[in-house]
Amino acid sequence: MRYLIAPLRVLILLLHILDGVLISGLLFPALDQPKRNRIIRVWSRGLLRICAMRLIVAGNALDPRLARDGVLEGTRGRLVLANHVSWIDVFALLATLPSRFVAKSEIGRWPLIGLLVTLVGTLYIERGRRHAVAAMNQRVRDRLKEGHSVVVFAEGTTTDGFSLLPFHSNLIAPALEEGCEIWPVAVRYMEGGVQTSAACFVGEMGLVTSLWNILVARDIAVEIALLPSLVATAESTRHQLAHRARVAIANYLGVAMDPPPHAPRPANAATAIPPASPIADTSHARTSAPANASQ
């Protein structure tokens, strides 16, 4: 049945993306940032529902106002360091905490989705350009001063979710300099309660292939775990903070850090998921929302 319904879901998803492009292109210029963020959050939850993907939010409780509006008046923003498994990570995080994402510039050229993520304020970095990091640091610093949450996928690429690559530290500098909180956030996907690579988007895999794998998966869920924020001292360096975030995420997920390159994980490997302490569970993204976040 999943295989029969999947083509219909693809059509509905395309219409949903077109709707998102129209809303962000026509309505967003007239709205303030909190109102935009509310729409982004609801739209992202809709995308997960269309993909029949449950959203589980675990770990530290979010302030309901922050979960709804993405900003808290009178406060600085926060830098989120997350592991990266799939293109749908972005929408799972947006469904949890409306944020600005740092992404490679190639994503902006993806059909439809590229236009959409551009319209909602993604910060693109031109990799390989001499002053790209310095320019991006300034843009991240500006967003943090405005109170935004900024998400960096610190591995710099995707994995299948069963290991964690070294974290890049360059984009941590603005948060350290501005005294902003740094939040490690763990992302993982599950089928029937065990970790799965069904949602991964790695190597030469195409976007359509990845989407199809998600649509035909059985009882798929994405877990977003908000881990304790990192406390920086006067002696803290960005390299130390990157390492601490990586260790915190690896420990939560129970995955290897930087495994040997010639020791691939078996294709059918799956690991039992240790009991989480969910602060919110949609039970299915189609019908309900995390209890910790105001609608």
C-alpha atoms as a PDB file:
ATOM      1  CA  MET A   1       0.000   0.000   0.000  1.00  0.00           C
ATOM      2  CA  ARG A   2       2.837   2.419   0.814  1.00  0.00           C
ATOM      3  CA  TYR A   3       4.161   2.012  -2.734  1.00  0.00           C
ATOM      4  CA  LEU A   4       0.714   2.725  -4.216  1.00  0.00           C
ATOM      5  CA  ILE A   5       0.181   5.851  -2.130  1.00  0.00           C
ATOM      6  CA  ALA A   6       3.710   7.242  -2.605  1.00  0.00           C
ATOM      7  CA  PRO A   7       3.099   8.796  -6.085  1.00  0.00           C
ATOM      8  CA  LEU A   8       0.065  10.644  -4.720  1.00  0.00           C
ATOM      9  CA  ARG A   9       2.161  11.939  -1.843  1.00  0.00           C
ATOM     10  CA  VAL A  10       4.749  13.206  -4.344  1.00  0.00           C
ATOM     11  CA  LEU A  11       2.056  15.201  -6.145  1.00  0.00           C
ATOM     12  CA  ILE A  12       0.701  16.627  -2.888  1.00  0.00           C
ATOM     13  CA  LEU A  13       4.231  17.511  -1.803  1.00  0.00           C
ATOM     14  CA  LEU A  14       4.899  19.399  -5.040  1.00  0.00           C
ATOM     15  CA  LEU A  15       1.711  21.396  -4.529  1.00  0.00           C
ATOM     16  CA  HIS A  16       2.723  22.078  -0.929  1.00  0.00           C
ATOM     17  CA  ILE A  17       6.129  23.365  -2.045  1.00  0.00           C
ATOM     18  CA  LEU A  18       4.515  25.601  -4.668  1.00  0.00           C
ATOM     19  CA  ASP A  19       2.180  26.924  -1.992  1.00  0.00           C
ATOM     20  CA  GLY A  20       5.202  27.660   0.211  1.00  0.00           C
ATOM     21  CA  VAL A  21       6.932  29.546  -2.602  1.00  0.00           C
ATOM     22  CA  LEU A  22       3.826  31.675  -3.213  1.00  0.00           C
ATOM     23  CA  ILE A  23       3.314  32.430   0.478  1.00  0.00           C
ATOM     24  CA  SER A  24       6.927  33.367   1.104  1.00  0.00           C
ATOM     25  CA  GLY A  25       7.184  35.388  -2.102  1.00  0.00           C
ATOM     26  CA  LEU A  26       3.903  37.290  -1.792  1.00  0.00           C
ATOM     27  CA  LEU A  27       3.117  37.514   1.923  1.00  0.00           C
ATOM     28  CA  PHE A  28       6.482  37.575   3.685  1.00  0.00           C
ATOM     29  CA  PRO A  29       7.514  41.088   2.539  1.00  0.00           C
ATOM     30  CA  ALA A  30       4.517  42.490   4.443  1.00  0.00           C
ATOM     31  CA  LEU A  31       5.042  40.461   7.640  1.00  0.00           C
ATOM     32  CA  ASP A  32       7.404  40.860  10.585  1.00  0.00           C
ATOM     33  CA  GLN A  33       9.800  38.046  11.450  1.00  0.00           C
ATOM     34  CA  PRO A  34       7.737  36.377  14.212  1.00  0.00           C
ATOM     35  CA  LYS A  35       4.732  36.069  11.879  1.00  0.00           C
ATOM     36  CA  ARG A  36       6.950  34.669   9.127  1.00  0.00           C
ATOM     37  CA  ASN A  37       8.395  32.156  11.552  1.00  0.00           C
ATOM     38  CA  ARG A  38       4.947  30.955  12.628  1.00  0.00           C
ATOM     39  CA  ILE A  39       4.047  30.302   9.012  1.00  0.00           C
ATOM     40  CA  ILE A  40       7.376  28.542   8.373  1.00  0.00           C
ATOM     41  CA  ARG A  41       6.813  26.293  11.390  1.00  0.00           C
ATOM     42  CA  VAL A  42       3.280  25.320  10.366  1.00  0.00           C
ATOM     43  CA  TRP A  43       4.321  24.791   6.736  1.00  0.00           C
ATOM     44  CA  SER A  44       7.256  22.571   7.764  1.00  0.00           C
ATOM     45  CA  ARG A  45       4.991  20.456   9.938  1.00  0.00           C
ATOM     46  CA  GLY A  46       2.721  20.093   6.932  1.00  0.00           C
ATOM     47  CA  LEU A  47       5.631  18.808   4.849  1.00  0.00           C
ATOM     48  CA  LEU A  48       6.389  16.159   7.477  1.00  0.00           C
ATOM     49  CA  ARG A  49       2.723  15.118   7.526  1.00  0.00           C
ATOM     50  CA  ILE A  50       2.696  14.705   3.761  1.00  0.00           C
ATOM     51  CA  CYS A  51       5.783  12.493   4.057  1.00  0.00           C
ATOM     52  CA  ALA A  52       4.016  10.459   6.797  1.00  0.00           C
ATOM     53  CA  MET A  53       6.893  11.261   9.128  1.00  0.00           C
ATOM     54  CA  ARG A  54       6.331  11.595  12.876  1.00  0.00           C
ATOM     55  CA  LEU A  55       8.164  14.370  14.679  1.00  0.00           C
ATOM     56  CA  ILE A  56       9.543  13.619  18.143  1.00  0.00           C
ATOM     57  CA  VAL A  57      11.077  16.469  20.123  1.00  0.00           C
ATOM     58  CA  ALA A  58      13.211  15.312  23.044  1.00  0.00           C
ATOM     59  CA  GLY A  59      15.667  16.741  25.541  1.00  0.00           C
ATOM     60  CA  ASN A  60      15.493  20.245  26.963  1.00  0.00           C
ATOM     61  CA  ALA A  61      12.127  22.000  26.933  1.00  0.00           C
ATOM     62  CA  LEU A  62      11.786  24.954  24.592  1.00  0.00           C
ATOM     63  CA  ASP A  63      10.200  28.209  25.678  1.00  0.00           C
ATOM     64  CA  PRO A  64       6.784  28.034  23.915  1.00  0.00           C
ATOM     65  CA  ARG A  65       7.235  31.578  22.583  1.00  0.00           C
ATOM     66  CA  LEU A  66      10.590  30.682  21.069  1.00  0.00           C
ATOM     67  CA  ALA A  67       9.194  27.485  19.531  1.00  0.00           C
ATOM     68  CA  ARG A  68       6.334  29.464  17.996  1.00  0.00           C
ATOM     69  CA  ASP A  69       7.981  32.746  16.971  1.00  0.00           C
ATOM     70  CA  GLY A  70      11.628  31.763  16.574  1.00  0.00           C
ATOM     71  CA  VAL A  71      12.768  34.901  18.440  1.00  0.00           C
ATOM     72  CA  LEU A  72      12.431  36.249  21.977  1.00  0.00           C
ATOM     73  CA  GLU A  73      12.128  40.007  22.259  1.00  0.00           C
ATOM     74  CA  GLY A  74      15.047  41.611  24.054  1.00  0.00           C
ATOM     75  CA  THR A  75      17.335  38.578  23.883  1.00  0.00           C
ATOM     76  CA  ARG A  76      20.221  37.578  21.696  1.00  0.00           C
ATOM     77  CA  GLY A  77      19.926  34.591  19.424  1.00  0.00           C
ATOM     78  CA  ARG A  78      21.487  31.175  19.749  1.00  0.00           C
ATOM     79  CA  LEU A  79      23.762  29.066  17.557  1.00  0.00           C
ATOM     80  CA  VAL A  80      22.540  25.528  16.924  1.00  0.00           C
ATOM     81  CA  LEU A  81      25.138  22.889  16.037  1.00  0.00           C
ATOM     82  CA  ALA A  82      23.461  19.811  14.552  1.00  0.00           C
ATOM     83  CA  ASN A  83      24.485  16.591  12.851  1.00  0.00           C
ATOM     84  CA  HIS A  84      23.313  16.211   9.268  1.00  0.00           C
ATOM     85  CA  VAL A  85      21.611  13.180   7.716  1.00  0.00           C
ATOM     86  CA  SER A  86      19.144  14.380   5.091  1.00  0.00           C
ATOM     87  CA  TRP A  87      17.657  17.309   3.232  1.00  0.00           C
ATOM     88  CA  ILE A  88      14.545  16.860   5.377  1.00  0.00           C
ATOM     89  CA  ASP A  89      16.591  17.696   8.517  1.00  0.00           C
ATOM     90  CA  VAL A  90      15.989  21.340   7.661  1.00  0.00           C
ATOM     91  CA  PHE A  91      12.213  21.021   7.776  1.00  0.00           C
ATOM     92  CA  ALA A  92      12.246  18.864  10.914  1.00  0.00           C
ATOM     93  CA  LEU A  93      14.284  21.563  12.650  1.00  0.00           C
ATOM     94  CA  LEU A  94      12.053  24.342  11.299  1.00  0.00           C
ATOM     95  CA  ALA A  95       9.022  22.432  12.591  1.00  0.00           C
ATOM     96  CA  THR A  96      10.681  22.446  16.019  1.00  0.00           C
ATOM     97  CA  LEU A  97      12.411  25.835  16.155  1.00  0.00           C
ATOM     98  CA  PRO A  98      12.097  28.399  13.332  1.00  0.00           C
ATOM     99  CA  SER A  99      15.697  29.270  12.457  1.00  0.00           C
ATOM    100  CA  ARG A 100      18.102  30.574   9.849  1.00  0.00           C
ATOM    101  CA  PHE A 101      20.298  27.942   8.223  1.00  0.00           C
ATOM    102  CA  VAL A 102      23.812  28.178   6.880  1.00  0.00           C
ATOM    103  CA  ALA A 103      23.970  26.148   3.674  1.00  0.00           C
ATOM    104  CA  LYS A 104      26.221  25.651   0.684  1.00  0.00           C
ATOM    105  CA  SER A 105      25.263  27.888  -2.224  1.00  0.00           C
ATOM    106  CA  GLU A 106      24.461  24.914  -4.504  1.00  0.00           C
ATOM    107  CA  ILE A 107      21.265  24.264  -2.543  1.00  0.00           C
ATOM    108  CA  GLY A 108      19.870  27.583  -3.701  1.00  0.00           C
ATOM    109  CA  ARG A 109      19.960  26.216  -7.256  1.00  0.00           C
ATOM    110  CA  TRP A 110      17.835  23.154  -6.502  1.00  0.00           C
ATOM    111  CA  PRO A 111      14.481  23.200  -8.353  1.00  0.00           C
ATOM    112  CA  LEU A 112      11.647  24.613  -6.206  1.00  0.00           C
ATOM    113  CA  ILE A 113      13.149  23.693  -2.834  1.00  0.00           C
ATOM    114  CA  GLY A 114      16.144  25.939  -3.545  1.00  0.00           C
ATOM    115  CA  LEU A 115      13.862  28.884  -4.263  1.00  0.00           C
ATOM    116  CA  LEU A 116      11.828  28.125  -1.162  1.00  0.00           C
ATOM    117  CA  VAL A 117      14.747  27.942   1.264  1.00  0.00           C
ATOM    118  CA  THR A 118      16.136  31.144  -0.252  1.00  0.00           C
ATOM    119  CA  LEU A 119      12.856  32.987   0.341  1.00  0.00           C
ATOM    120  CA  VAL A 120      12.745  31.951   4.011  1.00  0.00           C
ATOM    121  CA  GLY A 121      16.155  33.455   4.732  1.00  0.00           C
ATOM    122  CA  THR A 122      18.804  30.753   4.306  1.00  0.00           C
ATOM    123  CA  LEU A 123      22.372  32.063   4.556  1.00  0.00           C
ATOM    124  CA  TYR A 124      24.432  30.742   1.655  1.00  0.00           C
ATOM    125  CA  ILE A 125      28.166  30.282   1.803  1.00  0.00           C
ATOM    126  CA  GLU A 126      30.277  30.151  -1.358  1.00  0.00           C
ATOM    127  CA  ARG A 127      32.707  27.368  -0.549  1.00  0.00           C
ATOM    128  CA  GLY A 128      36.191  27.792  -1.925  1.00  0.00           C
ATOM    129  CA  ARG A 129      36.047  31.594  -2.056  1.00  0.00           C
ATOM    130  CA  ARG A 130      38.790  33.316  -0.143  1.00  0.00           C
ATOM    131  CA  HIS A 131      36.688  35.534   2.112  1.00  0.00           C
ATOM    132  CA  ALA A 132      33.574  33.361   2.285  1.00  0.00           C
ATOM    133  CA  VAL A 133      33.938  32.383   5.944  1.00  0.00           C
ATOM    134  CA  ALA A 134      34.620  35.942   7.106  1.00  0.00           C
ATOM    135  CA  ALA A 135      31.603  37.239   5.207  1.00  0.00           C
ATOM    136  CA  MET A 136      29.389  34.467   6.566  1.00  0.00           C
ATOM    137  CA  ASN A 137      30.572  35.087  10.113  1.00  0.00           C
ATOM    138  CA  GLN A 138      29.423  38.685   9.810  1.00  0.00           C
ATOM    139  CA  ARG A 139      25.998  37.604   8.533  1.00  0.00           C
ATOM    140  CA  VAL A 140      25.663  35.054  11.339  1.00  0.00           C
ATOM    141  CA  ARG A 141      26.705  37.709  13.870  1.00  0.00           C
ATOM    142  CA  ASP A 142      24.030  40.087  12.544  1.00  0.00           C
ATOM    143  CA  ARG A 143      21.298  37.426  12.814  1.00  0.00           C
ATOM    144  CA  LEU A 144      22.345  36.514  16.350  1.00  0.00           C
ATOM    145  CA  LYS A 145      22.208  40.173  17.383  1.00  0.00           C
ATOM    146  CA  GLU A 146      18.658  40.310  15.991  1.00  0.00           C
ATOM    147  CA  GLY A 147      17.668  37.366  18.199  1.00  0.00           C
ATOM    148  CA  HIS A 148      17.480  34.661  15.544  1.00  0.00           C
ATOM    149  CA  SER A 149      18.413  31.028  15.981  1.00  0.00           C
ATOM    150  CA  VAL A 150      21.089  30.113  13.446  1.00  0.00           C
ATOM    151  CA  VAL A 151      21.616  26.453  12.538  1.00  0.00           C
ATOM    152  CA  VAL A 152      24.967  25.132  11.336  1.00  0.00           C
ATOM    153  CA  PHE A 153      25.347  21.520  10.191  1.00  0.00           C
ATOM    154  CA  ALA A 154      28.822  21.367  11.653  1.00  0.00           C
ATOM    155  CA  GLU A 155      29.970  18.199   9.841  1.00  0.00           C
ATOM    156  CA  GLY A 156      29.799  20.109   6.569  1.00  0.00           C
ATOM    157  CA  THR A 157      28.125  17.193   4.777  1.00  0.00           C
ATOM    158  CA  THR A 158      25.616  14.416   5.379  1.00  0.00           C
ATOM    159  CA  THR A 159      26.161  10.925   6.802  1.00  0.00           C
ATOM    160  CA  ASP A 160      23.902   7.898   7.098  1.00  0.00           C
ATOM    161  CA  GLY A 161      23.354   8.790  10.763  1.00  0.00           C
ATOM    162  CA  PHE A 162      25.391   5.912  12.190  1.00  0.00           C
ATOM    163  CA  SER A 163      28.573   7.918  12.713  1.00  0.00           C
ATOM    164  CA  LEU A 164      29.571  11.501  13.370  1.00  0.00           C
ATOM    165  CA  LEU A 165      32.220  13.324  11.353  1.00  0.00           C
ATOM    166  CA  PRO A 166      34.498  15.989  12.841  1.00  0.00           C
ATOM    167  CA  PHE A 167      32.779  19.326  13.451  1.00  0.00           C
ATOM    168  CA  HIS A 168      34.004  22.454  11.692  1.00  0.00           C
ATOM    169  CA  SER A 169      34.440  25.350  14.097  1.00  0.00           C
ATOM    170  CA  ASN A 170      34.748  28.468  11.909  1.00  0.00           C
ATOM    171  CA  LEU A 171      31.123  29.572  12.245  1.00  0.00           C
ATOM    172  CA  ILE A 172      31.162  29.241  16.033  1.00  0.00           C
ATOM    173  CA  ALA A 173      33.228  32.422  16.321  1.00  0.00           C
ATOM    174  CA  PRO A 174      30.296  34.898  16.107  1.00  0.00           C
ATOM    175  CA  ALA A 175      28.394  33.183  18.943  1.00  0.00           C
ATOM    176  CA  LEU A 176      31.525  33.104  21.101  1.00  0.00           C
ATOM    177  CA  GLU A 177      32.267  36.762  20.440  1.00  0.00           C
ATOM    178  CA  GLU A 178      28.676  37.867  21.085  1.00  0.00           C
ATOM    179  CA  GLY A 179      28.223  35.740  24.191  1.00  0.00           C
ATOM    180  CA  CYS A 180      25.334  33.764  22.654  1.00  0.00           C
ATOM    181  CA  GLU A 181      24.220  30.327  23.754  1.00  0.00           C
ATOM    182  CA  ILE A 182      25.441  27.348  21.737  1.00  0.00           C
ATOM    183  CA  TRP A 183      22.965  24.477  21.498  1.00  0.00           C
ATOM    184  CA  PRO A 184      23.997  20.978  20.393  1.00  0.00           C
ATOM    185  CA  VAL A 185      21.045  19.309  18.646  1.00  0.00           C
ATOM    186  CA  ALA A 186      20.933  15.632  17.700  1.00  0.00           C
ATOM    187  CA  VAL A 187      18.983  14.434  14.653  1.00  0.00           C
ATOM    188  CA  ARG A 188      18.121  10.805  13.956  1.00  0.00           C
ATOM    189  CA  TYR A 189      15.572   8.797  11.990  1.00  0.00           C
ATOM    190  CA  MET A 190      13.764   5.668  13.096  1.00  0.00           C
ATOM    191  CA  GLU A 191      11.570   2.973  11.608  1.00  0.00           C
ATOM    192  CA  GLY A 192       9.520   1.045  14.097  1.00  0.00           C
ATOM    193  CA  GLY A 193      11.682   2.187  17.000  1.00  0.00           C
ATOM    194  CA  VAL A 194      15.090   1.358  15.523  1.00  0.00           C
ATOM    195  CA  GLN A 195      17.516   3.745  13.914  1.00  0.00           C
ATOM    196  CA  THR A 196      17.375   3.714  10.140  1.00  0.00           C
ATOM    197  CA  SER A 197      19.225   5.156   7.171  1.00  0.00           C
ATOM    198  CA  ALA A 198      15.991   5.343   5.134  1.00  0.00           C
ATOM    199  CA  ALA A 199      15.994   9.134   5.161  1.00  0.00           C
ATOM    200  CA  CYS A 200      19.691   9.641   4.490  1.00  0.00           C
ATOM    201  CA  PHE A 201      20.846  11.752   1.561  1.00  0.00           C
ATOM    202  CA  VAL A 202      24.483  10.846   0.997  1.00  0.00           C
ATOM    203  CA  GLY A 203      27.083  10.441  -1.709  1.00  0.00           C
ATOM    204  CA  GLU A 204      25.715  10.445  -5.246  1.00  0.00           C
ATOM    205  CA  MET A 205      22.125   9.795  -4.156  1.00  0.00           C
ATOM    206  CA  GLY A 206      19.598  11.969  -5.960  1.00  0.00           C
ATOM    207  CA  LEU A 207      16.914  14.013  -4.220  1.00  0.00           C
ATOM    208  CA  VAL A 208      14.133  12.006  -5.875  1.00  0.00           C
ATOM    209  CA  THR A 209      15.646   8.720  -4.675  1.00  0.00           C
ATOM    210  CA  SER A 210      15.930  10.046  -1.135  1.00  0.00           C
ATOM    211  CA  LEU A 211      12.334  11.292  -1.184  1.00  0.00           C
ATOM    212  CA  TRP A 212      11.072   7.940  -2.465  1.00  0.00           C
ATOM    213  CA  ASN A 213      12.929   6.086   0.287  1.00  0.00           C
ATOM    214  CA  ILE A 214      11.217   8.288   2.858  1.00  0.00           C
ATOM    215  CA  LEU A 215       7.760   7.889   1.358  1.00  0.00           C
ATOM    216  CA  VAL A 216       7.891   4.088   1.263  1.00  0.00           C
ATOM    217  CA  ALA A 217       9.473   3.672   4.706  1.00  0.00           C
ATOM    218  CA  ARG A 218       7.350   1.959   7.352  1.00  0.00           C
ATOM    219  CA  ASP A 219       6.437   4.002  10.440  1.00  0.00           C
ATOM    220  CA  ILE A 220       9.222   6.539   9.933  1.00  0.00           C
ATOM    221  CA  ALA A 221       9.944   9.182  12.550  1.00  0.00           C
ATOM    222  CA  VAL A 222      12.495  11.949  13.032  1.00  0.00           C
ATOM    223  CA  GLU A 223      13.799  12.768  16.483  1.00  0.00           C
ATOM    224  CA  ILE A 224      15.110  16.242  17.290  1.00  0.00           C
ATOM    225  CA  ALA A 225      16.904  16.198  20.641  1.00  0.00           C
ATOM    226  CA  LEU A 226      17.699  19.563  22.220  1.00  0.00           C
ATOM    227  CA  LEU A 227      20.777  18.953  24.361  1.00  0.00           C
ATOM    228  CA  PRO A 228      22.066  21.158  27.221  1.00  0.00           C
ATOM    229  CA  SER A 229      23.605  24.388  25.993  1.00  0.00           C
ATOM    230  CA  LEU A 230      27.368  24.724  26.142  1.00  0.00           C
ATOM    231  CA  VAL A 231      28.791  27.066  28.742  1.00  0.00           C
ATOM    232  CA  ALA A 232      31.699  29.065  27.361  1.00  0.00           C
ATOM    233  CA  THR A 233      34.355  30.518  29.625  1.00  0.00           C
ATOM    234  CA  ALA A 234      36.873  33.253  28.940  1.00  0.00           C
ATOM    235  CA  GLU A 235      39.358  30.532  28.005  1.00  0.00           C
ATOM    236  CA  SER A 236      37.005  28.618  25.669  1.00  0.00           C
ATOM    237  CA  THR A 237      37.962  28.360  22.012  1.00  0.00           C
ATOM    238  CA  ARG A 238      35.731  27.622  19.065  1.00  0.00           C
ATOM    239  CA  HIS A 239      37.603  24.355  18.523  1.00  0.00           C
ATOM    240  CA  GLN A 240      36.876  23.234  22.079  1.00  0.00           C
ATOM    241  CA  LEU A 241      33.207  24.138  21.776  1.00  0.00           C
ATOM    242  CA  ALA A 242      32.898  22.295  18.451  1.00  0.00           C
ATOM    243  CA  HIS A 243      34.419  19.197  20.029  1.00  0.00           C
ATOM    244  CA  ARG A 244      32.156  19.409  23.084  1.00  0.00           C
ATOM    245  CA  ALA A 245      29.077  19.713  20.871  1.00  0.00           C
ATOM    246  CA  ARG A 246      30.186  16.718  18.821  1.00  0.00           C
ATOM    247  CA  VAL A 247      30.798  14.590  21.924  1.00  0.00           C
ATOM    248  CA  ALA A 248      27.393  15.540  23.365  1.00  0.00           C
ATOM    249  CA  ILE A 249      25.583  14.579  20.141  1.00  0.00           C
ATOM    250  CA  ALA A 250      27.557  11.355  19.685  1.00  0.00           C
ATOM    251  CA  ASN A 251      26.852  10.307  23.273  1.00  0.00           C
ATOM    252  CA  TYR A 252      23.148  10.991  22.899  1.00  0.00           C
ATOM    253  CA  LEU A 253      22.869   9.106  19.637  1.00  0.00           C
ATOM    254  CA  GLY A 254      25.193   6.324  20.738  1.00  0.00           C
ATOM    255  CA  VAL A 255      27.147   6.509  17.478  1.00  0.00           C
ATOM    256  CA  ALA A 256      30.818   6.354  16.570  1.00  0.00           C
ATOM    257  CA  MET A 257      32.916   9.466  16.178  1.00  0.00           C
ATOM    258  CA  ASP A 258      34.966   9.466  12.986  1.00  0.00           C
ATOM    259  CA  PRO A 259      34.992   5.685  12.248  1.00  0.00           C
ATOM    260  CA  PRO A 260      37.768   4.150  10.109  1.00  0.00           C
ATOM    261  CA  PRO A 261      37.144   5.163   6.473  1.00  0.00           C
ATOM    262  CA  HIS A 262      37.468   1.598   5.180  1.00  0.00           C
ATOM    263  CA  ALA A 263      35.112   0.017   7.685  1.00  0.00           C
ATOM    264  CA  PRO A 264      31.654   0.628   6.157  1.00  0.00           C
ATOM    265  CA  ARG A 265      28.537  -0.140   8.150  1.00  0.00           C
ATOM    266  CA  PRO A 266      26.625  -3.211   6.873  1.00  0.00           C
ATOM    267  CA  ALA A 267      23.811  -2.179   4.548  1.00  0.00           C
ATOM    268  CA  ASN A 268      21.144  -3.769   6.714  1.00  0.00           C
ATOM    269  CA  ALA A 269      22.477  -2.517  10.036  1.00  0.00           C
ATOM    270  CA  ALA A 270      20.036  -1.086  12.521  1.00  0.00           C
ATOM    271  CA  THR A 271      20.460  -0.206  16.150  1.00  0.00           C
ATOM    272  CA  ALA A 272      17.957  -0.280  18.947  1.00  0.00           C
ATOM    273  CA  ILE A 273      17.067   3.192  20.131  1.00  0.00           C
ATOM    274  CA  PRO A 274      17.652   3.844  23.820  1.00  0.00           C
ATOM    275  CA  PRO A 275      14.621   5.262  25.599  1.00  0.00           C
ATOM    276  CA  ALA A 276      14.409   8.996  25.004  1.00  0.00           C
ATOM    277  CA  SER A 277      12.867  11.519  27.343  1.00  0.00           C
ATOM    278  CA  PRO A 278      10.551  13.212  24.875  1.00  0.00           C
ATOM    279  CA  ILE A 279       9.212  16.589  25.798  1.00  0.00           C
ATOM    280  CA  ALA A 280       6.895  16.367  22.840  1.00  0.00           C
ATOM    281  CA  ASP A 281       5.736  13.710  20.418  1.00  0.00           C
ATOM    282  CA  THR A 282       3.399  14.348  17.586  1.00  0.00           C
ATOM    283  CA  SER A 283       2.382  10.659  17.738  1.00  0.00           C
ATOM    284  CA  HIS A 284       2.003  11.357  14.073  1.00  0.00           C
ATOM    285  CA  ALA A 285       2.842  14.630  12.377  1.00  0.00           C
ATOM    286  CA  ARG A 286      -0.468  14.388  10.521  1.00  0.00           C
ATOM    287  CA  THR A 287      -2.666  14.886  13.505  1.00  0.00           C
ATOM    288  CA  SER A 288      -0.931  16.589  16.397  1.00  0.00           C
ATOM    289  CA  ALA A 289       1.945  18.811  17.418  1.00  0.00           C
ATOM    290  CA  PRO A 290       4.581  18.743  20.141  1.00  0.00           C
ATOM    291  CA  ALA A 291       3.083  19.610  23.475  1.00  0.00           C
ATOM    292  CA  ASN A 292       5.970  21.899  24.318  1.00  0.00           C
ATOM    293  CA  ALA A 293       5.289  24.316  21.488  1.00  0.00           C
ATOM    294  CA  SER A 294       2.390  26.695  21.231  1.00  0.00           C
ATOM    295  CA  GLN A 295       0.389  26.555  18.078  1.00  0.00           C
END
